[in-house]
């Protein structure tokens, strides 16, 4: 018991809800074959996200947005960190961090992602020398990540996507180290991210 005679709040687990879909994108309807293929690659990218904390209302939801994109929305209080290896799946991650710590490391070095920030992260197939650690005791993790198939992004994203992909390398499978770009500016996207994090969850 605590000094005031109250029991401490037990830690609960908030685990990633895979394949959740917003109602406007079909709710719980089965995913088309193309979306299932990409989501399988996303599932191989890292371990399923799991956070322990004292916040049962926290969210950790992944949405299948299109045949080549998934979106993770995380807003949880942490009692301990989450760690996972990252597997090269030819996925471009656009990570918008609003709060909390993130460390990415491998034999190539390490990168600490501050809050707020935008991280562009890419590992081609076979580039598996990367691990992530996020969250500390009594720290809140709040972020939104878009996970995009490289070919899909090049096809739908136009000139801006082409420039982004060029900056992240040519996608050759012998690329030994991940490619990334980090910015501490969220700019006009910040209010949109807060709306996404605060939005209603699927039924």
N, C-alpha and C. Protein backbone atom coordinates (compact mmCIF):
# COMPACT_ATOMS: atom_id res chain seq x y z
N UNK A 1 0.83 -1.19 0.00
CA UNK A 1 0.00 0.00 0.00
C UNK A 1 0.87 1.25 0.00
N UNK A 2 0.34 2.34 -0.48
CA UNK A 2 1.07 3.60 -0.49
C UNK A 2 0.99 4.25 0.87
N UNK A 3 1.71 5.37 1.04
CA UNK A 3 1.73 6.07 2.31
C UNK A 3 0.34 6.51 2.73
N UNK A 4 -0.54 6.81 1.81
CA UNK A 4 -1.90 7.26 2.12
C UNK A 4 -2.90 6.11 2.20
N UNK A 5 -2.39 4.88 2.14
CA UNK A 5 -3.26 3.74 2.32
C UNK A 5 -3.97 3.27 1.07
N UNK A 6 -3.60 3.79 -0.08
CA UNK A 6 -4.24 3.40 -1.33
C UNK A 6 -3.36 2.42 -2.09
N UNK A 7 -4.00 1.47 -2.75
CA UNK A 7 -3.25 0.52 -3.56
C UNK A 7 -2.71 1.21 -4.81
N UNK A 8 -1.46 0.90 -5.23
CA UNK A 8 -0.96 1.46 -6.49
C UNK A 8 -1.78 0.96 -7.66
N UNK A 9 -1.88 1.76 -8.69
CA UNK A 9 -2.63 1.37 -9.88
C UNK A 9 -1.84 0.30 -10.64
N UNK A 10 -2.42 -0.88 -10.88
CA UNK A 10 -1.66 -1.93 -11.57
C UNK A 10 -1.37 -1.55 -13.02
N UNK A 11 -0.23 -2.01 -13.50
CA UNK A 11 0.12 -1.75 -14.90
C UNK A 11 -0.75 -2.60 -15.81
N UNK A 12 -1.21 -2.03 -16.90
CA UNK A 12 -1.98 -2.77 -17.89
C UNK A 12 -1.21 -2.74 -19.21
N UNK A 13 -1.54 -3.64 -20.10
CA UNK A 13 -0.88 -3.69 -21.39
C UNK A 13 -1.79 -3.10 -22.46
N UNK A 14 -1.23 -2.21 -23.27
CA UNK A 14 -1.91 -1.70 -24.45
C UNK A 14 -1.17 -2.26 -25.65
N UNK A 15 -1.80 -3.20 -26.34
CA UNK A 15 -1.15 -3.87 -27.47
C UNK A 15 -1.71 -3.34 -28.78
N UNK A 16 -0.89 -3.43 -29.81
CA UNK A 16 -1.25 -2.94 -31.13
C UNK A 16 -2.45 -3.70 -31.70
N UNK A 17 -3.44 -2.95 -32.15
CA UNK A 17 -4.60 -3.56 -32.82
C UNK A 17 -4.29 -3.61 -34.32
N UNK A 18 -3.84 -4.73 -34.80
CA UNK A 18 -3.48 -4.88 -36.21
C UNK A 18 -4.72 -4.95 -37.09
N UNK A 19 -4.61 -4.40 -38.28
CA UNK A 19 -5.63 -4.45 -39.31
C UNK A 19 -6.90 -3.70 -38.96
N UNK A 20 -6.88 -2.85 -37.93
CA UNK A 20 -8.05 -2.02 -37.66
C UNK A 20 -8.26 -1.07 -38.82
N UNK A 21 -9.53 -0.80 -39.14
CA UNK A 21 -9.85 0.11 -40.24
C UNK A 21 -10.86 1.15 -39.76
N UNK A 22 -10.66 2.41 -40.09
CA UNK A 22 -11.69 3.40 -39.78
C UNK A 22 -12.99 3.06 -40.49
N UNK A 23 -14.11 3.47 -39.91
CA UNK A 23 -15.42 3.14 -40.48
C UNK A 23 -15.55 3.63 -41.91
N UNK A 24 -14.97 4.81 -42.20
CA UNK A 24 -15.10 5.37 -43.53
C UNK A 24 -14.30 4.58 -44.57
N UNK A 25 -13.44 3.67 -44.11
CA UNK A 25 -12.68 2.84 -45.04
C UNK A 25 -13.16 1.39 -45.03
N UNK A 26 -14.35 1.17 -44.51
CA UNK A 26 -14.91 -0.17 -44.58
C UNK A 26 -15.03 -0.89 -43.27
N UNK A 27 -14.69 -0.24 -42.17
CA UNK A 27 -14.85 -0.85 -40.86
C UNK A 27 -14.09 -2.16 -40.76
N UNK A 28 -14.77 -3.21 -40.32
CA UNK A 28 -14.12 -4.50 -40.13
C UNK A 28 -14.20 -5.41 -41.34
N UNK A 29 -14.50 -4.88 -42.51
CA UNK A 29 -14.63 -5.72 -43.70
C UNK A 29 -13.29 -6.36 -44.05
N UNK A 30 -13.31 -7.53 -44.73
CA UNK A 30 -12.06 -8.21 -45.09
C UNK A 30 -11.19 -7.32 -45.97
N UNK A 31 -9.89 -7.44 -45.77
CA UNK A 31 -8.96 -6.66 -46.58
C UNK A 31 -8.80 -7.29 -47.96
N UNK A 32 -8.73 -6.46 -49.02
CA UNK A 32 -8.42 -6.99 -50.35
C UNK A 32 -7.04 -7.64 -50.36
N UNK A 33 -6.82 -8.51 -51.33
CA UNK A 33 -5.57 -9.27 -51.38
C UNK A 33 -4.33 -8.37 -51.36
N UNK A 34 -4.34 -7.26 -52.13
CA UNK A 34 -3.17 -6.39 -52.18
C UNK A 34 -2.86 -5.77 -50.83
N UNK A 35 -3.89 -5.41 -50.09
CA UNK A 35 -3.67 -4.85 -48.77
C UNK A 35 -3.15 -5.90 -47.81
N UNK A 36 -3.65 -7.13 -47.91
CA UNK A 36 -3.17 -8.19 -47.02
C UNK A 36 -1.68 -8.45 -47.24
N UNK A 37 -1.23 -8.41 -48.49
CA UNK A 37 0.18 -8.66 -48.78
C UNK A 37 1.06 -7.61 -48.13
N UNK A 38 0.66 -6.34 -48.24
CA UNK A 38 1.48 -5.29 -47.65
C UNK A 38 1.45 -5.36 -46.13
N UNK A 39 0.28 -5.64 -45.55
CA UNK A 39 0.17 -5.72 -44.09
C UNK A 39 1.02 -6.88 -43.55
N UNK A 40 1.13 -7.97 -44.31
CA UNK A 40 2.02 -9.05 -43.87
C UNK A 40 3.45 -8.56 -43.80
N UNK A 41 3.88 -7.75 -44.77
CA UNK A 41 5.23 -7.19 -44.71
C UNK A 41 5.38 -6.25 -43.53
N UNK A 42 4.35 -5.45 -43.27
CA UNK A 42 4.41 -4.58 -42.10
C UNK A 42 4.53 -5.42 -40.82
N UNK A 43 3.80 -6.53 -40.75
CA UNK A 43 3.88 -7.39 -39.57
C UNK A 43 5.26 -7.99 -39.37
N UNK A 44 6.01 -8.18 -40.47
CA UNK A 44 7.37 -8.72 -40.37
C UNK A 44 8.40 -7.63 -40.09
N UNK A 45 7.98 -6.38 -40.17
CA UNK A 45 8.90 -5.24 -40.01
C UNK A 45 9.43 -5.15 -38.58
N UNK A 46 8.54 -5.35 -37.61
CA UNK A 46 8.92 -5.30 -36.19
C UNK A 46 8.00 -6.21 -35.40
N UNK A 47 8.36 -6.43 -34.12
CA UNK A 47 7.44 -7.13 -33.24
C UNK A 47 6.17 -6.30 -33.06
N UNK A 48 5.10 -6.98 -32.70
CA UNK A 48 3.85 -6.26 -32.42
C UNK A 48 4.09 -5.25 -31.29
N UNK A 49 3.64 -4.03 -31.50
CA UNK A 49 3.82 -2.99 -30.50
C UNK A 49 3.04 -3.35 -29.23
N UNK A 50 3.72 -3.25 -28.09
CA UNK A 50 3.10 -3.51 -26.79
C UNK A 50 3.68 -2.54 -25.77
N UNK A 51 2.80 -1.87 -25.06
CA UNK A 51 3.23 -0.92 -24.04
C UNK A 51 2.56 -1.26 -22.72
N UNK A 52 3.34 -1.28 -21.64
CA UNK A 52 2.79 -1.47 -20.31
C UNK A 52 2.76 -0.13 -19.60
N UNK A 53 1.61 0.14 -18.96
CA UNK A 53 1.46 1.41 -18.26
C UNK A 53 0.20 1.39 -17.41
N UNK A 54 -0.11 2.52 -16.83
CA UNK A 54 -1.28 2.64 -15.97
C UNK A 54 -2.40 3.40 -16.68
N UNK A 55 -2.48 3.26 -17.99
CA UNK A 55 -3.43 4.04 -18.79
C UNK A 55 -4.24 3.10 -19.68
N UNK A 56 -5.29 2.45 -19.12
CA UNK A 56 -6.06 1.50 -19.93
C UNK A 56 -6.77 2.15 -21.11
N UNK A 57 -6.91 3.48 -21.10
CA UNK A 57 -7.57 4.17 -22.22
C UNK A 57 -6.58 4.53 -23.32
N UNK A 58 -5.32 4.17 -23.17
CA UNK A 58 -4.34 4.47 -24.19
C UNK A 58 -4.66 3.76 -25.49
N UNK A 59 -4.14 4.28 -26.60
CA UNK A 59 -4.41 3.68 -27.91
C UNK A 59 -3.13 3.30 -28.61
N UNK A 60 -3.21 2.20 -29.34
CA UNK A 60 -2.10 1.72 -30.15
C UNK A 60 -2.73 0.96 -31.32
N UNK A 61 -3.17 1.72 -32.32
CA UNK A 61 -4.00 1.20 -33.40
C UNK A 61 -3.27 1.31 -34.74
N UNK A 62 -3.39 0.26 -35.55
CA UNK A 62 -2.81 0.27 -36.90
C UNK A 62 -3.94 0.12 -37.91
N UNK A 63 -3.95 1.01 -38.89
CA UNK A 63 -5.00 1.04 -39.91
C UNK A 63 -4.42 0.67 -41.26
N UNK A 64 -5.12 -0.18 -42.00
CA UNK A 64 -4.78 -0.44 -43.39
C UNK A 64 -5.42 0.66 -44.22
N UNK A 65 -4.64 1.62 -44.65
CA UNK A 65 -5.16 2.81 -45.31
C UNK A 65 -5.37 2.58 -46.80
N UNK A 66 -4.48 1.82 -47.43
CA UNK A 66 -4.56 1.56 -48.86
C UNK A 66 -3.73 0.31 -49.17
N UNK A 67 -3.70 -0.15 -50.42
CA UNK A 67 -2.90 -1.33 -50.73
C UNK A 67 -1.41 -1.16 -50.46
N UNK A 68 -0.93 0.07 -50.30
CA UNK A 68 0.49 0.27 -50.07
C UNK A 68 0.81 1.12 -48.86
N UNK A 69 -0.14 1.30 -47.95
CA UNK A 69 0.12 2.15 -46.79
C UNK A 69 -0.62 1.64 -45.56
N UNK A 70 0.08 1.66 -44.43
CA UNK A 70 -0.53 1.44 -43.12
C UNK A 70 -0.21 2.65 -42.26
N UNK A 71 -1.07 2.92 -41.30
CA UNK A 71 -0.85 4.04 -40.39
C UNK A 71 -1.00 3.57 -38.95
N UNK A 72 0.00 3.82 -38.12
CA UNK A 72 -0.06 3.51 -36.69
C UNK A 72 -0.30 4.80 -35.92
N UNK A 73 -1.22 4.73 -34.96
CA UNK A 73 -1.54 5.86 -34.09
C UNK A 73 -1.33 5.40 -32.65
N UNK A 74 -0.38 6.03 -31.95
CA UNK A 74 0.00 5.60 -30.60
C UNK A 74 -0.11 6.78 -29.65
N UNK A 75 -0.78 6.54 -28.52
CA UNK A 75 -0.86 7.53 -27.44
C UNK A 75 -1.03 6.76 -26.15
N UNK A 76 0.07 6.45 -25.49
CA UNK A 76 0.05 5.60 -24.30
C UNK A 76 1.00 6.15 -23.23
N UNK A 77 0.67 5.88 -21.98
CA UNK A 77 1.58 6.13 -20.87
C UNK A 77 2.38 4.88 -20.60
N UNK A 78 3.68 5.00 -20.38
CA UNK A 78 4.57 3.83 -20.28
C UNK A 78 5.02 3.57 -18.85
N UNK A 79 5.07 2.29 -18.48
CA UNK A 79 5.71 1.87 -17.24
C UNK A 79 7.08 1.26 -17.52
N UNK A 80 7.32 0.92 -18.78
CA UNK A 80 8.62 0.38 -19.20
C UNK A 80 8.76 0.58 -20.69
N UNK A 81 9.95 0.27 -21.22
CA UNK A 81 10.18 0.53 -22.64
C UNK A 81 9.70 -0.63 -23.50
N UNK A 82 9.58 -0.35 -24.81
CA UNK A 82 9.30 -1.35 -25.82
C UNK A 82 10.54 -1.48 -26.69
N UNK A 83 10.97 -2.72 -26.97
CA UNK A 83 12.15 -2.94 -27.79
C UNK A 83 11.84 -3.97 -28.87
N UNK A 84 12.41 -3.77 -30.06
CA UNK A 84 12.23 -4.72 -31.15
C UNK A 84 13.34 -4.55 -32.17
N UNK A 85 13.68 -5.66 -32.85
CA UNK A 85 14.51 -5.58 -34.04
C UNK A 85 13.66 -5.08 -35.19
N UNK A 86 14.27 -4.40 -36.14
CA UNK A 86 13.58 -3.93 -37.34
C UNK A 86 14.13 -4.69 -38.55
N UNK A 87 13.23 -5.27 -39.32
CA UNK A 87 13.60 -6.09 -40.46
C UNK A 87 13.40 -5.31 -41.75
N UNK A 88 14.39 -5.38 -42.63
CA UNK A 88 14.28 -4.70 -43.92
C UNK A 88 13.16 -5.29 -44.76
N UNK A 89 12.10 -4.52 -44.99
CA UNK A 89 10.95 -4.99 -45.74
C UNK A 89 10.64 -4.08 -46.93
N UNK A 90 11.62 -3.25 -47.33
CA UNK A 90 11.43 -2.31 -48.44
C UNK A 90 10.25 -1.38 -48.14
N UNK A 91 10.16 -0.96 -46.87
CA UNK A 91 9.11 -0.07 -46.40
C UNK A 91 9.71 1.29 -46.05
N UNK A 92 9.09 2.35 -46.53
CA UNK A 92 9.47 3.71 -46.13
C UNK A 92 8.56 4.11 -44.98
N UNK A 93 9.17 4.47 -43.86
CA UNK A 93 8.40 4.92 -42.69
C UNK A 93 8.53 6.43 -42.55
N UNK A 94 7.39 7.09 -42.42
CA UNK A 94 7.35 8.53 -42.13
C UNK A 94 6.80 8.65 -40.72
N UNK A 95 7.68 8.95 -39.78
CA UNK A 95 7.37 8.89 -38.35
C UNK A 95 7.25 10.31 -37.79
N UNK A 96 6.05 10.64 -37.33
CA UNK A 96 5.80 11.95 -36.72
C UNK A 96 5.73 11.77 -35.21
N UNK A 97 6.73 12.27 -34.50
CA UNK A 97 6.79 12.08 -33.03
C UNK A 97 6.36 13.36 -32.33
N UNK A 98 5.32 13.22 -31.51
CA UNK A 98 4.81 14.35 -30.73
C UNK A 98 5.35 14.34 -29.30
N UNK A 99 5.53 13.15 -28.72
CA UNK A 99 6.02 13.06 -27.35
C UNK A 99 6.67 11.70 -27.12
N UNK A 100 7.67 11.68 -26.24
CA UNK A 100 8.32 10.43 -25.85
C UNK A 100 9.65 10.21 -26.54
N UNK A 101 10.41 9.25 -26.02
CA UNK A 101 11.76 8.97 -26.50
C UNK A 101 11.77 7.82 -27.49
N UNK A 102 12.69 7.89 -28.44
CA UNK A 102 12.91 6.83 -29.42
C UNK A 102 14.39 6.77 -29.75
N UNK A 103 14.96 5.58 -29.65
CA UNK A 103 16.36 5.34 -30.01
C UNK A 103 16.40 4.24 -31.05
N UNK A 104 17.10 4.50 -32.17
CA UNK A 104 17.34 3.51 -33.22
C UNK A 104 18.84 3.27 -33.28
N UNK A 105 19.26 2.00 -33.32
CA UNK A 105 20.69 1.72 -33.24
C UNK A 105 21.04 0.44 -33.98
N UNK A 106 22.31 0.35 -34.39
CA UNK A 106 22.87 -0.83 -35.04
C UNK A 106 24.37 -0.66 -35.10
N UNK A 107 25.07 -1.55 -35.81
CA UNK A 107 26.52 -1.42 -35.93
C UNK A 107 26.91 -0.16 -36.71
N UNK A 108 25.96 0.42 -37.45
CA UNK A 108 26.18 1.65 -38.22
C UNK A 108 26.16 2.90 -37.34
N UNK A 109 25.71 2.76 -36.08
CA UNK A 109 25.63 3.92 -35.18
C UNK A 109 24.27 3.97 -34.53
N UNK A 110 23.86 5.15 -34.09
CA UNK A 110 22.54 5.28 -33.47
C UNK A 110 21.97 6.66 -33.75
N UNK A 111 20.66 6.76 -33.60
CA UNK A 111 19.99 8.03 -33.77
C UNK A 111 18.94 8.16 -32.67
N UNK A 112 18.98 9.27 -31.96
CA UNK A 112 17.97 9.58 -30.94
C UNK A 112 17.00 10.57 -31.56
N UNK A 113 15.72 10.20 -31.55
CA UNK A 113 14.68 11.00 -32.20
C UNK A 113 14.03 11.87 -31.14
N UNK A 114 14.14 13.19 -31.26
CA UNK A 114 13.59 14.09 -30.23
C UNK A 114 12.10 14.29 -30.41
N UNK A 115 11.50 15.04 -29.52
CA UNK A 115 10.10 15.43 -29.62
C UNK A 115 10.03 16.96 -29.66
N UNK A 116 9.30 17.53 -30.58
CA UNK A 116 8.64 16.91 -31.72
C UNK A 116 9.63 16.71 -32.86
N UNK A 117 9.31 15.85 -33.80
CA UNK A 117 10.19 15.64 -34.94
C UNK A 117 9.49 14.83 -36.02
N UNK A 118 10.09 14.84 -37.20
CA UNK A 118 9.65 13.99 -38.30
C UNK A 118 10.86 13.19 -38.78
N UNK A 119 10.74 11.88 -38.77
CA UNK A 119 11.81 10.99 -39.20
C UNK A 119 11.38 10.24 -40.45
N UNK A 120 12.18 10.31 -41.51
CA UNK A 120 12.02 9.46 -42.68
C UNK A 120 13.01 8.31 -42.53
N UNK A 121 12.52 7.08 -42.59
CA UNK A 121 13.35 5.92 -42.28
C UNK A 121 13.12 4.85 -43.33
N UNK A 122 14.22 4.24 -43.81
CA UNK A 122 14.10 3.25 -44.87
C UNK A 122 15.13 2.15 -44.71
N UNK A 123 14.66 0.87 -44.77
CA UNK A 123 15.52 -0.30 -44.81
C UNK A 123 15.11 -1.18 -45.99
N UNK A 124 16.00 -1.36 -46.98
CA UNK A 124 15.65 -2.29 -48.07
C UNK A 124 15.66 -3.73 -47.56
N UNK A 125 15.14 -4.63 -48.35
CA UNK A 125 15.16 -6.05 -47.97
C UNK A 125 16.59 -6.49 -47.71
N UNK A 126 16.78 -7.24 -46.63
CA UNK A 126 18.10 -7.73 -46.27
C UNK A 126 18.86 -6.81 -45.35
N UNK A 127 18.40 -5.58 -45.17
CA UNK A 127 19.05 -4.65 -44.26
C UNK A 127 18.37 -4.80 -42.89
N UNK A 128 18.91 -5.68 -42.05
CA UNK A 128 18.27 -6.04 -40.78
C UNK A 128 19.05 -5.58 -39.56
N UNK A 129 20.08 -4.79 -39.77
CA UNK A 129 20.92 -4.34 -38.66
C UNK A 129 20.35 -3.05 -38.06
N UNK A 130 19.22 -3.19 -37.40
CA UNK A 130 18.61 -2.04 -36.73
C UNK A 130 17.70 -2.54 -35.63
N UNK A 131 17.65 -1.79 -34.55
CA UNK A 131 16.75 -2.09 -33.44
C UNK A 131 16.21 -0.77 -32.90
N UNK A 132 15.02 -0.83 -32.34
CA UNK A 132 14.41 0.36 -31.77
C UNK A 132 14.11 0.14 -30.29
N UNK A 133 14.18 1.23 -29.54
CA UNK A 133 13.76 1.22 -28.14
C UNK A 133 13.00 2.50 -27.90
N UNK A 134 11.78 2.39 -27.42
CA UNK A 134 10.98 3.59 -27.16
C UNK A 134 10.28 3.47 -25.83
N UNK A 135 10.14 4.62 -25.17
CA UNK A 135 9.41 4.66 -23.91
C UNK A 135 10.30 4.46 -22.70
N UNK A 136 10.00 5.18 -21.65
CA UNK A 136 10.63 5.03 -20.35
C UNK A 136 9.54 5.08 -19.29
N UNK A 137 9.88 4.71 -18.06
CA UNK A 137 8.90 4.75 -16.97
C UNK A 137 8.34 6.17 -16.83
N UNK A 138 7.04 6.24 -16.68
CA UNK A 138 6.31 7.51 -16.49
C UNK A 138 6.48 8.46 -17.67
N UNK A 139 6.68 7.91 -18.86
CA UNK A 139 6.80 8.73 -20.07
C UNK A 139 5.62 8.42 -20.99
N UNK A 140 5.12 9.44 -21.65
CA UNK A 140 4.03 9.24 -22.60
C UNK A 140 4.60 9.13 -24.01
N UNK A 141 4.13 8.13 -24.74
CA UNK A 141 4.47 7.95 -26.14
C UNK A 141 3.30 8.43 -26.98
N UNK A 142 3.52 9.46 -27.79
CA UNK A 142 2.48 9.96 -28.67
C UNK A 142 3.08 10.17 -30.05
N UNK A 143 2.62 9.40 -31.03
CA UNK A 143 3.17 9.51 -32.37
C UNK A 143 2.24 8.89 -33.41
N UNK A 144 2.49 9.29 -34.65
CA UNK A 144 1.77 8.75 -35.81
C UNK A 144 2.82 8.35 -36.84
N UNK A 145 2.73 7.15 -37.36
CA UNK A 145 3.66 6.70 -38.41
C UNK A 145 2.90 6.21 -39.62
N UNK A 146 3.41 6.58 -40.79
CA UNK A 146 2.91 6.06 -42.06
C UNK A 146 3.96 5.08 -42.59
N UNK A 147 3.52 3.88 -42.95
CA UNK A 147 4.40 2.85 -43.49
C UNK A 147 3.99 2.62 -44.94
N UNK A 148 4.89 2.90 -45.86
CA UNK A 148 4.54 2.90 -47.29
C UNK A 148 5.39 1.92 -48.07
N UNK A 149 4.75 1.18 -48.95
CA UNK A 149 5.48 0.39 -49.94
C UNK A 149 6.21 1.36 -50.87
N UNK A 150 7.48 1.09 -51.14
CA UNK A 150 8.28 2.03 -51.92
C UNK A 150 7.73 2.23 -53.33
N UNK A 151 7.38 1.14 -54.01
CA UNK A 151 6.85 1.27 -55.37
C UNK A 151 5.50 1.99 -55.38
N UNK A 152 4.66 1.67 -54.41
CA UNK A 152 3.36 2.34 -54.32
C UNK A 152 3.54 3.83 -54.10
N UNK A 153 4.47 4.22 -53.22
CA UNK A 153 4.70 5.63 -52.94
C UNK A 153 5.21 6.36 -54.18
N UNK A 154 6.09 5.71 -54.93
CA UNK A 154 6.60 6.32 -56.16
C UNK A 154 5.48 6.51 -57.18
N UNK A 155 4.54 5.57 -57.21
CA UNK A 155 3.46 5.62 -58.19
C UNK A 155 2.42 6.69 -57.87
N UNK A 156 2.08 6.87 -56.59
CA UNK A 156 1.00 7.80 -56.24
C UNK A 156 1.49 9.16 -55.76
N UNK A 157 2.79 9.25 -55.45
CA UNK A 157 3.26 10.47 -54.78
C UNK A 157 3.81 11.56 -55.67
N UNK A 158 3.97 11.29 -56.96
CA UNK A 158 4.43 12.32 -57.87
C UNK A 158 5.88 12.74 -57.63
N UNK A 159 6.19 13.97 -58.04
CA UNK A 159 7.57 14.47 -58.01
C UNK A 159 8.11 14.56 -56.58
N UNK A 160 7.27 14.95 -55.63
CA UNK A 160 7.73 15.09 -54.25
C UNK A 160 8.14 13.73 -53.68
N UNK A 161 7.35 12.70 -53.95
CA UNK A 161 7.71 11.37 -53.49
C UNK A 161 8.98 10.88 -54.17
N UNK A 162 9.15 11.19 -55.45
CA UNK A 162 10.35 10.78 -56.18
C UNK A 162 11.59 11.41 -55.56
N UNK A 163 11.49 12.67 -55.18
CA UNK A 163 12.63 13.35 -54.54
C UNK A 163 12.93 12.73 -53.18
N UNK A 164 11.89 12.43 -52.43
CA UNK A 164 12.07 11.81 -51.11
C UNK A 164 12.76 10.45 -51.26
N UNK A 165 12.30 9.63 -52.19
CA UNK A 165 12.87 8.30 -52.38
C UNK A 165 14.31 8.39 -52.86
N UNK A 166 14.61 9.36 -53.70
CA UNK A 166 15.99 9.54 -54.16
C UNK A 166 16.91 9.87 -53.00
N UNK A 167 16.41 10.66 -52.04
CA UNK A 167 17.21 11.02 -50.88
C UNK A 167 17.46 9.82 -49.96
N UNK A 168 16.57 8.81 -50.04
CA UNK A 168 16.71 7.64 -49.17
C UNK A 168 17.46 6.49 -49.84
N UNK A 169 17.96 6.68 -51.03
CA UNK A 169 18.72 5.64 -51.72
C UNK A 169 17.90 4.95 -52.78
N UNK A 170 18.55 4.07 -53.55
CA UNK A 170 17.92 3.48 -54.71
C UNK A 170 17.18 2.18 -54.43
N UNK A 171 17.14 1.76 -53.18
CA UNK A 171 16.42 0.54 -52.85
C UNK A 171 17.18 -0.73 -53.13
N UNK A 172 18.47 -0.65 -53.44
CA UNK A 172 19.27 -1.85 -53.71
C UNK A 172 19.33 -2.73 -52.46
N UNK A 173 19.14 -4.05 -52.59
CA UNK A 173 19.09 -4.92 -51.42
C UNK A 173 20.42 -5.07 -50.70
N UNK A 174 21.54 -4.64 -51.31
CA UNK A 174 22.83 -4.76 -50.65
C UNK A 174 23.18 -3.54 -49.81
N UNK A 175 22.23 -2.63 -49.61
CA UNK A 175 22.46 -1.48 -48.77
C UNK A 175 22.62 -1.96 -47.33
N UNK A 176 23.80 -1.74 -46.73
CA UNK A 176 24.11 -2.34 -45.42
C UNK A 176 23.48 -1.60 -44.26
N UNK A 177 23.34 -0.28 -44.38
CA UNK A 177 22.84 0.52 -43.27
C UNK A 177 21.52 1.17 -43.65
N UNK A 178 20.64 1.40 -42.68
CA UNK A 178 19.40 2.11 -42.99
C UNK A 178 19.70 3.52 -43.50
N UNK A 179 18.77 4.08 -44.25
CA UNK A 179 18.85 5.47 -44.68
C UNK A 179 17.78 6.27 -43.95
N UNK A 180 18.11 7.48 -43.54
CA UNK A 180 17.12 8.27 -42.81
C UNK A 180 17.40 9.76 -42.95
N UNK A 181 16.35 10.53 -42.73
CA UNK A 181 16.41 11.99 -42.65
C UNK A 181 15.59 12.41 -41.45
N UNK A 182 16.12 13.32 -40.63
CA UNK A 182 15.46 13.74 -39.40
C UNK A 182 15.29 15.24 -39.38
N UNK A 183 14.09 15.68 -39.06
CA UNK A 183 13.80 17.11 -38.93
C UNK A 183 13.08 17.35 -37.61
N UNK A 184 13.40 18.45 -36.95
CA UNK A 184 12.74 18.80 -35.69
C UNK A 184 11.52 19.67 -35.92
N UNK A 185 11.14 19.89 -37.17
CA UNK A 185 10.00 20.74 -37.50
C UNK A 185 8.82 19.91 -37.98
N UNK A 186 7.66 20.11 -37.36
CA UNK A 186 6.43 19.49 -37.84
C UNK A 186 5.58 20.45 -38.64
N UNK A 187 5.73 21.76 -38.36
CA UNK A 187 5.05 22.79 -39.14
C UNK A 187 3.55 22.63 -39.16
N UNK A 188 2.96 22.80 -40.34
CA UNK A 188 1.51 22.82 -40.49
C UNK A 188 0.87 21.47 -40.25
N UNK A 189 1.65 20.39 -40.23
CA UNK A 189 1.07 19.06 -40.03
C UNK A 189 0.76 18.79 -38.56
N UNK A 190 1.33 19.56 -37.63
CA UNK A 190 1.15 19.30 -36.20
C UNK A 190 -0.32 19.26 -35.78
N UNK A 191 -1.16 20.26 -36.15
CA UNK A 191 -2.57 20.18 -35.75
C UNK A 191 -3.29 18.97 -36.32
N UNK A 192 -2.92 18.56 -37.54
CA UNK A 192 -3.53 17.39 -38.15
C UNK A 192 -3.19 16.14 -37.35
N UNK A 193 -1.93 16.03 -36.92
CA UNK A 193 -1.50 14.88 -36.13
C UNK A 193 -2.26 14.82 -34.81
N UNK A 194 -2.43 15.96 -34.17
CA UNK A 194 -3.16 15.99 -32.90
C UNK A 194 -4.61 15.58 -33.09
N UNK A 195 -5.21 15.99 -34.23
CA UNK A 195 -6.58 15.57 -34.52
C UNK A 195 -6.66 14.05 -34.73
N UNK A 196 -5.65 13.49 -35.41
CA UNK A 196 -5.62 12.04 -35.63
C UNK A 196 -5.51 11.30 -34.31
N UNK A 197 -4.58 11.74 -33.46
CA UNK A 197 -4.38 11.07 -32.16
C UNK A 197 -5.63 11.18 -31.30
N UNK A 198 -6.30 12.33 -31.34
CA UNK A 198 -7.47 12.54 -30.50
C UNK A 198 -8.77 12.07 -31.11
N UNK A 199 -8.73 11.55 -32.33
CA UNK A 199 -9.94 11.13 -33.02
C UNK A 199 -10.55 9.86 -32.43
N UNK A 200 -11.78 9.61 -32.81
CA UNK A 200 -12.50 8.43 -32.33
C UNK A 200 -11.85 7.15 -32.85
N UNK A 201 -11.84 6.12 -32.03
CA UNK A 201 -11.32 4.83 -32.44
C UNK A 201 -12.42 4.01 -33.10
N UNK A 202 -12.06 3.04 -33.92
CA UNK A 202 -13.09 2.23 -34.58
C UNK A 202 -13.85 1.40 -33.57
N UNK A 203 -15.11 1.14 -33.86
CA UNK A 203 -15.94 0.33 -32.95
C UNK A 203 -15.50 -1.12 -32.97
